[in-house]
């Protein structure tokens, strides 16, 4: 018997879930769901809604799955908008903002298995105000995903450590810029920055705290980002070949001065942080 994965690259080999579903007779040899409507019906209510950003005071995201990843729904509530009338037009820009954040996560999740790439899947993003009034909705399909973009080894559970032999190593280390104490708000600052590195060792994407949820408004991160984009690693070898990888880079910045008394007094008077 010839299997669909016989001619696939190592990175596209079936996952444990792929193989388990084939063994159970849910998938055929081409990783297609044999009876989609039955699976959809059986698994329809098995996945509870869960809050994926539990500590945010700006928005609440409830996510739930239907079927075998056949449908992934994100219901988002803007907590700072009491009503959809409180938002400036066009309101679809708010939906687009969340879609741009969530779609890469959706694609990455589906990229982990063959069956989630070859079977149709839909991502729905619904946005509403705090009072439940509707703001907008967007639907995206897995056919819109660029799977090659997610073909990397996830090492983000590790912190980059040049003293550990198995850790990726720099050829060209980032040249960390100097910071004035006022830029650090007169205190020390610790950041963990995610780096996506290609097979050649080039840093192709930088994010804080994540390449998918990146706070581009953070002034310290803004100043650090170019340094990491210019860095370069030795190729990361797994099973005899170079692989793209995602890694977490800790950064610790120390303030050399204490906050001036005049600055403290001014801040106290005007209520500035």
C-alpha atoms as a PDB file:
ATOM      1  CA  UNK A   1       0.000   0.000   0.000  1.00  0.00           C
ATOM      2  CA  UNK A   2       1.303   3.491  -0.895  1.00  0.00           C
ATOM      3  CA  UNK A   3       0.652   6.114   1.759  1.00  0.00           C
ATOM      4  CA  UNK A   4       0.235   9.808   1.084  1.00  0.00           C
ATOM      5  CA  UNK A   5       3.203  10.670   3.310  1.00  0.00           C
ATOM      6  CA  UNK A   6       5.714   8.467   1.465  1.00  0.00           C
ATOM      7  CA  UNK A   7       6.959  11.387  -0.640  1.00  0.00           C
ATOM      8  CA  UNK A   8       6.594  14.092   1.998  1.00  0.00           C
ATOM      9  CA  UNK A   9       9.522  15.957   3.519  1.00  0.00           C
ATOM     10  CA  UNK A  10      10.522  15.086   7.069  1.00  0.00           C
ATOM     11  CA  UNK A  11       8.748  18.213   8.337  1.00  0.00           C
ATOM     12  CA  UNK A  12       5.489  17.021   6.749  1.00  0.00           C
ATOM     13  CA  UNK A  13       5.466  13.542   8.252  1.00  0.00           C
ATOM     14  CA  UNK A  14       2.199  12.529   9.935  1.00  0.00           C
ATOM     15  CA  UNK A  15       1.697  13.529  13.539  1.00  0.00           C
ATOM     16  CA  UNK A  16       0.740  11.084  16.281  1.00  0.00           C
ATOM     17  CA  UNK A  17      -2.820  12.384  15.986  1.00  0.00           C
ATOM     18  CA  UNK A  18      -2.825  11.732  12.224  1.00  0.00           C
ATOM     19  CA  UNK A  19      -1.750   8.126  12.768  1.00  0.00           C
ATOM     20  CA  UNK A  20      -4.184   7.578  15.656  1.00  0.00           C
ATOM     21  CA  UNK A  21      -7.140   8.808  13.573  1.00  0.00           C
ATOM     22  CA  UNK A  22      -6.142   6.560  10.659  1.00  0.00           C
ATOM     23  CA  UNK A  23      -5.937   3.595  13.030  1.00  0.00           C
ATOM     24  CA  UNK A  24      -9.433   4.378  14.346  1.00  0.00           C
ATOM     25  CA  UNK A  25     -10.787   4.483  10.806  1.00  0.00           C
ATOM     26  CA  UNK A  26     -11.671   8.175  10.988  1.00  0.00           C
ATOM     27  CA  UNK A  27      -9.186   9.163   8.258  1.00  0.00           C
ATOM     28  CA  UNK A  28      -8.406   7.418   4.978  1.00  0.00           C
ATOM     29  CA  UNK A  29      -4.860   6.848   3.681  1.00  0.00           C
ATOM     30  CA  UNK A  30      -4.828  10.383   2.237  1.00  0.00           C
ATOM     31  CA  UNK A  31      -5.733  11.865   5.649  1.00  0.00           C
ATOM     32  CA  UNK A  32      -9.215  12.818   4.488  1.00  0.00           C
ATOM     33  CA  UNK A  33     -12.040  12.536   7.037  1.00  0.00           C
ATOM     34  CA  UNK A  34     -14.121   9.559   5.905  1.00  0.00           C
ATOM     35  CA  UNK A  35     -17.474  10.809   7.206  1.00  0.00           C
ATOM     36  CA  UNK A  36     -17.197  14.561   7.964  1.00  0.00           C
ATOM     37  CA  UNK A  37     -20.863  15.093   8.888  1.00  0.00           C
ATOM     38  CA  UNK A  38     -20.828  12.193  11.373  1.00  0.00           C
ATOM     39  CA  UNK A  39     -17.611  13.383  13.015  1.00  0.00           C
ATOM     40  CA  UNK A  40     -18.950  16.935  13.144  1.00  0.00           C
ATOM     41  CA  UNK A  41     -22.124  15.721  14.840  1.00  0.00           C
ATOM     42  CA  UNK A  42     -20.338  13.441  17.323  1.00  0.00           C
ATOM     43  CA  UNK A  43     -17.765  16.023  18.399  1.00  0.00           C
ATOM     44  CA  UNK A  44     -19.950  19.094  18.045  1.00  0.00           C
ATOM     45  CA  UNK A  45     -20.440  19.797  21.734  1.00  0.00           C
ATOM     46  CA  UNK A  46     -17.396  18.092  23.240  1.00  0.00           C
ATOM     47  CA  UNK A  47     -15.075  21.108  23.314  1.00  0.00           C
ATOM     48  CA  UNK A  48     -16.013  23.712  25.938  1.00  0.00           C
ATOM     49  CA  UNK A  49     -15.512  27.410  25.369  1.00  0.00           C
ATOM     50  CA  UNK A  50     -12.408  28.721  27.054  1.00  0.00           C
ATOM     51  CA  UNK A  51     -10.979  32.154  27.689  1.00  0.00           C
ATOM     52  CA  UNK A  52      -7.620  32.314  25.903  1.00  0.00           C
ATOM     53  CA  UNK A  53      -6.621  35.754  27.260  1.00  0.00           C
ATOM     54  CA  UNK A  54      -7.848  35.475  30.874  1.00  0.00           C
ATOM     55  CA  UNK A  55      -6.061  38.486  32.382  1.00  0.00           C
ATOM     56  CA  UNK A  56      -6.816  41.186  29.821  1.00  0.00           C
ATOM     57  CA  UNK A  57      -8.842  44.196  30.938  1.00  0.00           C
ATOM     58  CA  UNK A  58      -9.259  45.406  27.336  1.00  0.00           C
ATOM     59  CA  UNK A  59     -10.926  42.412  25.711  1.00  0.00           C
ATOM     60  CA  UNK A  60     -12.143  38.879  26.352  1.00  0.00           C
ATOM     61  CA  UNK A  61     -11.626  36.061  23.852  1.00  0.00           C
ATOM     62  CA  UNK A  62     -13.688  32.876  24.081  1.00  0.00           C
ATOM     63  CA  UNK A  63     -12.525  30.087  21.777  1.00  0.00           C
ATOM     64  CA  UNK A  64     -14.206  26.799  20.942  1.00  0.00           C
ATOM     65  CA  UNK A  65     -13.803  24.064  18.345  1.00  0.00           C
ATOM     66  CA  UNK A  66     -16.415  22.094  16.438  1.00  0.00           C
ATOM     67  CA  UNK A  67     -15.674  18.733  14.868  1.00  0.00           C
ATOM     68  CA  UNK A  68     -12.068  17.724  14.131  1.00  0.00           C
ATOM     69  CA  UNK A  69     -10.904  21.339  13.822  1.00  0.00           C
ATOM     70  CA  UNK A  70     -13.504  21.736  11.064  1.00  0.00           C
ATOM     71  CA  UNK A  71     -14.566  24.983  12.667  1.00  0.00           C
ATOM     72  CA  UNK A  72     -12.726  27.212  15.123  1.00  0.00           C
ATOM     73  CA  UNK A  73     -14.630  30.137  16.600  1.00  0.00           C
ATOM     74  CA  UNK A  74     -13.306  33.172  18.430  1.00  0.00           C
ATOM     75  CA  UNK A  75     -15.938  35.270  20.196  1.00  0.00           C
ATOM     76  CA  UNK A  76     -14.351  38.547  21.280  1.00  0.00           C
ATOM     77  CA  UNK A  77     -15.803  41.155  23.623  1.00  0.00           C
ATOM     78  CA  UNK A  78     -14.290  44.642  23.713  1.00  0.00           C
ATOM     79  CA  UNK A  79     -14.529  45.403  27.431  1.00  0.00           C
ATOM     80  CA  UNK A  80     -13.727  49.102  27.018  1.00  0.00           C
ATOM     81  CA  UNK A  81     -16.538  49.671  24.512  1.00  0.00           C
ATOM     82  CA  UNK A  82     -19.857  49.728  26.365  1.00  0.00           C
ATOM     83  CA  UNK A  83     -21.732  49.756  23.035  1.00  0.00           C
ATOM     84  CA  UNK A  84     -20.852  49.494  19.350  1.00  0.00           C
ATOM     85  CA  UNK A  85     -21.949  53.140  19.128  1.00  0.00           C
ATOM     86  CA  UNK A  86     -18.910  54.088  21.221  1.00  0.00           C
ATOM     87  CA  UNK A  87     -16.536  53.049  18.421  1.00  0.00           C
ATOM     88  CA  UNK A  88     -15.389  55.310  15.630  1.00  0.00           C
ATOM     89  CA  UNK A  89     -16.094  54.264  12.057  1.00  0.00           C
ATOM     90  CA  UNK A  90     -15.282  52.125  10.236  1.00  0.00           C
ATOM     91  CA  UNK A  91     -15.853  49.466  12.900  1.00  0.00           C
ATOM     92  CA  UNK A  92     -14.543  46.689  10.632  1.00  0.00           C
ATOM     93  CA  UNK A  93     -10.995  47.874  11.391  1.00  0.00           C
ATOM     94  CA  UNK A  94     -11.390  46.440  14.903  1.00  0.00           C
ATOM     95  CA  UNK A  95     -12.420  43.065  13.478  1.00  0.00           C
ATOM     96  CA  UNK A  96      -9.498  43.141  11.038  1.00  0.00           C
ATOM     97  CA  UNK A  97      -7.076  43.877  13.881  1.00  0.00           C
ATOM     98  CA  UNK A  98      -8.107  40.769  15.825  1.00  0.00           C
ATOM     99  CA  UNK A  99      -8.238  38.656  12.662  1.00  0.00           C
ATOM    100  CA  UNK A 100      -4.638  39.626  11.864  1.00  0.00           C
ATOM    101  CA  UNK A 101      -3.648  38.484  15.361  1.00  0.00           C
ATOM    102  CA  UNK A 102      -5.623  35.229  15.460  1.00  0.00           C
ATOM    103  CA  UNK A 103      -5.235  33.935  11.909  1.00  0.00           C
ATOM    104  CA  UNK A 104      -1.505  33.071  12.291  1.00  0.00           C
ATOM    105  CA  UNK A 105      -2.345  31.163  15.497  1.00  0.00           C
ATOM    106  CA  UNK A 106      -5.111  29.303  13.686  1.00  0.00           C
ATOM    107  CA  UNK A 107      -2.776  28.371  10.829  1.00  0.00           C
ATOM    108  CA  UNK A 108      -0.002  27.326  13.197  1.00  0.00           C
ATOM    109  CA  UNK A 109      -2.364  25.080  15.155  1.00  0.00           C
ATOM    110  CA  UNK A 110      -3.566  23.401  11.957  1.00  0.00           C
ATOM    111  CA  UNK A 111      -0.049  23.066  10.549  1.00  0.00           C
ATOM    112  CA  UNK A 112       0.789  20.490  13.246  1.00  0.00           C
ATOM    113  CA  UNK A 113      -1.154  17.699  11.485  1.00  0.00           C
ATOM    114  CA  UNK A 114      -1.635  16.625   7.884  1.00  0.00           C
ATOM    115  CA  UNK A 115      -5.384  16.056   8.236  1.00  0.00           C
ATOM    116  CA  UNK A 116      -5.965  19.607   9.504  1.00  0.00           C
ATOM    117  CA  UNK A 117      -4.265  20.945   6.382  1.00  0.00           C
ATOM    118  CA  UNK A 118      -5.966  18.775   3.758  1.00  0.00           C
ATOM    119  CA  UNK A 119      -9.526  18.819   5.159  1.00  0.00           C
ATOM    120  CA  UNK A 120     -11.627  22.008   4.923  1.00  0.00           C
ATOM    121  CA  UNK A 121     -11.588  24.160   8.048  1.00  0.00           C
ATOM    122  CA  UNK A 122     -13.040  27.557   8.900  1.00  0.00           C
ATOM    123  CA  UNK A 123     -12.050  30.205  11.407  1.00  0.00           C
ATOM    124  CA  UNK A 124     -14.792  32.606  12.520  1.00  0.00           C
ATOM    125  CA  UNK A 125     -14.004  35.825  14.378  1.00  0.00           C
ATOM    126  CA  UNK A 126     -16.990  37.622  15.947  1.00  0.00           C
ATOM    127  CA  UNK A 127     -16.570  40.937  17.733  1.00  0.00           C
ATOM    128  CA  UNK A 128     -19.049  42.570  20.094  1.00  0.00           C
ATOM    129  CA  UNK A 129     -19.183  45.396  22.625  1.00  0.00           C
ATOM    130  CA  UNK A 130     -19.570  44.926  26.376  1.00  0.00           C
ATOM    131  CA  UNK A 131     -23.379  45.214  26.154  1.00  0.00           C
ATOM    132  CA  UNK A 132     -23.476  42.445  23.532  1.00  0.00           C
ATOM    133  CA  UNK A 133     -24.090  44.742  20.567  1.00  0.00           C
ATOM    134  CA  UNK A 134     -22.588  43.401  17.342  1.00  0.00           C
ATOM    135  CA  UNK A 135     -19.463  45.041  15.867  1.00  0.00           C
ATOM    136  CA  UNK A 136     -18.465  42.712  13.053  1.00  0.00           C
ATOM    137  CA  UNK A 137     -17.506  39.237  11.867  1.00  0.00           C
ATOM    138  CA  UNK A 138     -14.870  37.709   9.586  1.00  0.00           C
ATOM    139  CA  UNK A 139     -14.565  34.194   8.190  1.00  0.00           C
ATOM    140  CA  UNK A 140     -11.246  32.701   7.030  1.00  0.00           C
ATOM    141  CA  UNK A 141     -10.432  29.244   5.644  1.00  0.00           C
ATOM    142  CA  UNK A 142      -7.386  27.036   6.084  1.00  0.00           C
ATOM    143  CA  UNK A 143      -6.905  27.247   2.308  1.00  0.00           C
ATOM    144  CA  UNK A 144      -5.709  30.821   2.999  1.00  0.00           C
ATOM    145  CA  UNK A 145      -2.827  29.583   5.186  1.00  0.00           C
ATOM    146  CA  UNK A 146       0.740  29.576   3.897  1.00  0.00           C
ATOM    147  CA  UNK A 147       1.810  26.258   5.443  1.00  0.00           C
ATOM    148  CA  UNK A 148       5.488  26.684   4.636  1.00  0.00           C
ATOM    149  CA  UNK A 149       5.549  29.707   6.943  1.00  0.00           C
ATOM    150  CA  UNK A 150       4.808  27.445   9.935  1.00  0.00           C
ATOM    151  CA  UNK A 151       7.320  24.739   9.103  1.00  0.00           C
ATOM    152  CA  UNK A 152       9.627  25.322  12.063  1.00  0.00           C
ATOM    153  CA  UNK A 153      10.717  23.618  15.274  1.00  0.00           C
ATOM    154  CA  UNK A 154       9.137  25.272  18.300  1.00  0.00           C
ATOM    155  CA  UNK A 155      11.873  25.797  20.893  1.00  0.00           C
ATOM    156  CA  UNK A 156      10.027  28.666  22.583  1.00  0.00           C
ATOM    157  CA  UNK A 157       9.665  26.656  25.805  1.00  0.00           C
ATOM    158  CA  UNK A 158      13.441  27.085  26.108  1.00  0.00           C
ATOM    159  CA  UNK A 159      15.258  30.286  26.986  1.00  0.00           C
ATOM    160  CA  UNK A 160      18.205  30.930  24.684  1.00  0.00           C
ATOM    161  CA  UNK A 161      21.362  30.076  26.622  1.00  0.00           C
ATOM    162  CA  UNK A 162      24.750  30.184  24.903  1.00  0.00           C
ATOM    163  CA  UNK A 163      26.239  28.054  27.707  1.00  0.00           C
ATOM    164  CA  UNK A 164      23.993  25.073  26.852  1.00  0.00           C
ATOM    165  CA  UNK A 165      25.410  22.955  24.008  1.00  0.00           C
ATOM    166  CA  UNK A 166      22.023  22.035  22.532  1.00  0.00           C
ATOM    167  CA  UNK A 167      20.835  25.659  22.462  1.00  0.00           C
ATOM    168  CA  UNK A 168      20.989  27.541  19.126  1.00  0.00           C
ATOM    169  CA  UNK A 169      24.116  29.690  18.883  1.00  0.00           C
ATOM    170  CA  UNK A 170      24.769  33.097  17.388  1.00  0.00           C
ATOM    171  CA  UNK A 171      27.271  33.724  14.601  1.00  0.00           C
ATOM    172  CA  UNK A 172      26.461  37.422  14.803  1.00  0.00           C
ATOM    173  CA  UNK A 173      25.126  38.362  18.230  1.00  0.00           C
ATOM    174  CA  UNK A 174      22.643  41.232  18.514  1.00  0.00           C
ATOM    175  CA  UNK A 175      24.250  44.568  19.330  1.00  0.00           C
ATOM    176  CA  UNK A 176      22.035  45.698  22.201  1.00  0.00           C
ATOM    177  CA  UNK A 177      21.652  49.499  22.114  1.00  0.00           C
ATOM    178  CA  UNK A 178      22.316  51.569  25.210  1.00  0.00           C
ATOM    179  CA  UNK A 179      19.360  52.966  27.123  1.00  0.00           C
ATOM    180  CA  UNK A 180      19.151  56.101  29.203  1.00  0.00           C
ATOM    181  CA  UNK A 181      17.668  55.593  32.641  1.00  0.00           C
ATOM    182  CA  UNK A 182      14.590  57.648  31.780  1.00  0.00           C
ATOM    183  CA  UNK A 183      13.889  55.267  28.849  1.00  0.00           C
ATOM    184  CA  UNK A 184      13.680  52.452  31.412  1.00  0.00           C
ATOM    185  CA  UNK A 185      11.471  54.572  33.673  1.00  0.00           C
ATOM    186  CA  UNK A 186      14.349  54.766  36.166  1.00  0.00           C
ATOM    187  CA  UNK A 187      14.240  51.044  36.892  1.00  0.00           C
ATOM    188  CA  UNK A 188      15.451  47.713  35.564  1.00  0.00           C
ATOM    189  CA  UNK A 189      13.578  46.044  32.724  1.00  0.00           C
ATOM    190  CA  UNK A 190      13.346  42.368  31.762  1.00  0.00           C
ATOM    191  CA  UNK A 191      11.851  41.228  28.459  1.00  0.00           C
ATOM    192  CA  UNK A 192      11.480  37.868  26.727  1.00  0.00           C
ATOM    193  CA  UNK A 193      11.529  38.265  22.961  1.00  0.00           C
ATOM    194  CA  UNK A 194      10.593  35.542  20.468  1.00  0.00           C
ATOM    195  CA  UNK A 195      12.818  35.033  17.438  1.00  0.00           C
ATOM    196  CA  UNK A 196      11.822  33.095  14.320  1.00  0.00           C
ATOM    197  CA  UNK A 197      14.952  31.906  12.510  1.00  0.00           C
ATOM    198  CA  UNK A 198      15.117  30.311   9.046  1.00  0.00           C
ATOM    199  CA  UNK A 199      17.211  27.362   7.853  1.00  0.00           C
ATOM    200  CA  UNK A 200      20.155  29.659   7.049  1.00  0.00           C
ATOM    201  CA  UNK A 201      20.216  31.132  10.543  1.00  0.00           C
ATOM    202  CA  UNK A 202      18.696  34.493   9.575  1.00  0.00           C
ATOM    203  CA  UNK A 203      16.261  36.080  12.028  1.00  0.00           C
ATOM    204  CA  UNK A 204      13.149  36.628   9.908  1.00  0.00           C
ATOM    205  CA  UNK A 205      10.636  37.645  12.563  1.00  0.00           C
ATOM    206  CA  UNK A 206      10.829  39.213  16.018  1.00  0.00           C
ATOM    207  CA  UNK A 207       7.999  39.592  18.528  1.00  0.00           C
ATOM    208  CA  UNK A 208       7.385  40.685  22.109  1.00  0.00           C
ATOM    209  CA  UNK A 209       6.076  38.784  23.951  1.00  0.00           C
ATOM    210  CA  UNK A 210       5.247  36.599  20.925  1.00  0.00           C
ATOM    211  CA  UNK A 211       5.658  36.753  17.157  1.00  0.00           C
ATOM    212  CA  UNK A 212       1.867  36.310  16.982  1.00  0.00           C
ATOM    213  CA  UNK A 213       0.881  38.733  19.752  1.00  0.00           C
ATOM    214  CA  UNK A 214       3.526  41.461  19.570  1.00  0.00           C
ATOM    215  CA  UNK A 215       3.324  44.762  21.441  1.00  0.00           C
ATOM    216  CA  UNK A 216       4.784  47.077  18.818  1.00  0.00           C
ATOM    217  CA  UNK A 217       3.924  50.126  20.967  1.00  0.00           C
ATOM    218  CA  UNK A 218       6.480  49.229  23.659  1.00  0.00           C
ATOM    219  CA  UNK A 219       9.259  51.839  23.319  1.00  0.00           C
ATOM    220  CA  UNK A 220      11.998  49.625  24.761  1.00  0.00           C
ATOM    221  CA  UNK A 221      11.083  46.761  22.434  1.00  0.00           C
ATOM    222  CA  UNK A 222      10.963  49.167  19.471  1.00  0.00           C
ATOM    223  CA  UNK A 223      14.585  50.092  20.141  1.00  0.00           C
ATOM    224  CA  UNK A 224      15.695  46.467  20.608  1.00  0.00           C
ATOM    225  CA  UNK A 225      13.922  44.970  17.582  1.00  0.00           C
ATOM    226  CA  UNK A 226      16.349  46.137  14.822  1.00  0.00           C
ATOM    227  CA  UNK A 227      19.305  44.647  16.719  1.00  0.00           C
ATOM    228  CA  UNK A 228      17.732  41.172  16.700  1.00  0.00           C
ATOM    229  CA  UNK A 229      16.720  41.397  13.035  1.00  0.00           C
ATOM    230  CA  UNK A 230      20.408  41.953  12.201  1.00  0.00           C
ATOM    231  CA  UNK A 231      21.545  38.959  14.287  1.00  0.00           C
ATOM    232  CA  UNK A 232      22.432  35.606  12.736  1.00  0.00           C
ATOM    233  CA  UNK A 233      22.594  32.034  14.072  1.00  0.00           C
ATOM    234  CA  UNK A 234      24.478  28.942  13.087  1.00  0.00           C
ATOM    235  CA  UNK A 235      22.055  26.658  11.186  1.00  0.00           C
ATOM    236  CA  UNK A 236      20.094  24.471  13.602  1.00  0.00           C
ATOM    237  CA  UNK A 237      20.558  20.832  12.592  1.00  0.00           C
ATOM    238  CA  UNK A 238      17.981  18.141  13.364  1.00  0.00           C
ATOM    239  CA  UNK A 239      18.138  14.629  11.872  1.00  0.00           C
ATOM    240  CA  UNK A 240      20.976  15.690   9.602  1.00  0.00           C
ATOM    241  CA  UNK A 241      19.388  18.772   8.056  1.00  0.00           C
ATOM    242  CA  UNK A 242      18.978  22.467   8.821  1.00  0.00           C
ATOM    243  CA  UNK A 243      15.600  23.495  10.241  1.00  0.00           C
ATOM    244  CA  UNK A 244      13.826  26.757  10.957  1.00  0.00           C
ATOM    245  CA  UNK A 245      13.166  27.315  14.650  1.00  0.00           C
ATOM    246  CA  UNK A 246      11.396  29.563  17.152  1.00  0.00           C
ATOM    247  CA  UNK A 247      13.319  30.515  20.278  1.00  0.00           C
ATOM    248  CA  UNK A 248      12.852  32.755  23.330  1.00  0.00           C
ATOM    249  CA  UNK A 249      15.560  35.372  23.974  1.00  0.00           C
ATOM    250  CA  UNK A 250      15.665  36.883  27.498  1.00  0.00           C
ATOM    251  CA  UNK A 251      16.879  40.484  27.732  1.00  0.00           C
ATOM    252  CA  UNK A 252      17.773  42.224  30.993  1.00  0.00           C
ATOM    253  CA  UNK A 253      18.337  45.981  31.019  1.00  0.00           C
ATOM    254  CA  UNK A 254      19.573  47.826  34.090  1.00  0.00           C
ATOM    255  CA  UNK A 255      19.089  51.484  34.914  1.00  0.00           C
ATOM    256  CA  UNK A 256      22.308  53.220  35.949  1.00  0.00           C
ATOM    257  CA  UNK A 257      20.573  56.102  37.721  1.00  0.00           C
ATOM    258  CA  UNK A 258      17.791  56.590  40.236  1.00  0.00           C
ATOM    259  CA  UNK A 259      14.827  58.787  39.443  1.00  0.00           C
ATOM    260  CA  UNK A 260      15.569  62.490  40.114  1.00  0.00           C
ATOM    261  CA  UNK A 261      13.656  64.060  42.998  1.00  0.00           C
ATOM    262  CA  UNK A 262      12.278  66.822  40.735  1.00  0.00           C
ATOM    263  CA  UNK A 263      10.873  64.191  38.366  1.00  0.00           C
ATOM    264  CA  UNK A 264       9.184  62.387  41.283  1.00  0.00           C
ATOM    265  CA  UNK A 265       7.604  65.619  42.530  1.00  0.00           C
ATOM    266  CA  UNK A 266       6.367  66.596  39.053  1.00  0.00           C
ATOM    267  CA  UNK A 267       4.948  63.136  38.514  1.00  0.00           C
ATOM    268  CA  UNK A 268       3.172  63.286  41.871  1.00  0.00           C
ATOM    269  CA  UNK A 269       1.640  66.703  41.139  1.00  0.00           C
ATOM    270  CA  UNK A 270       0.403  65.874  37.643  1.00  0.00           C
ATOM    271  CA  UNK A 271      -0.411  62.229  38.327  1.00  0.00           C
ATOM    272  CA  UNK A 272       1.931  60.958  35.631  1.00  0.00           C
ATOM    273  CA  UNK A 273       3.280  57.431  35.649  1.00  0.00           C
END
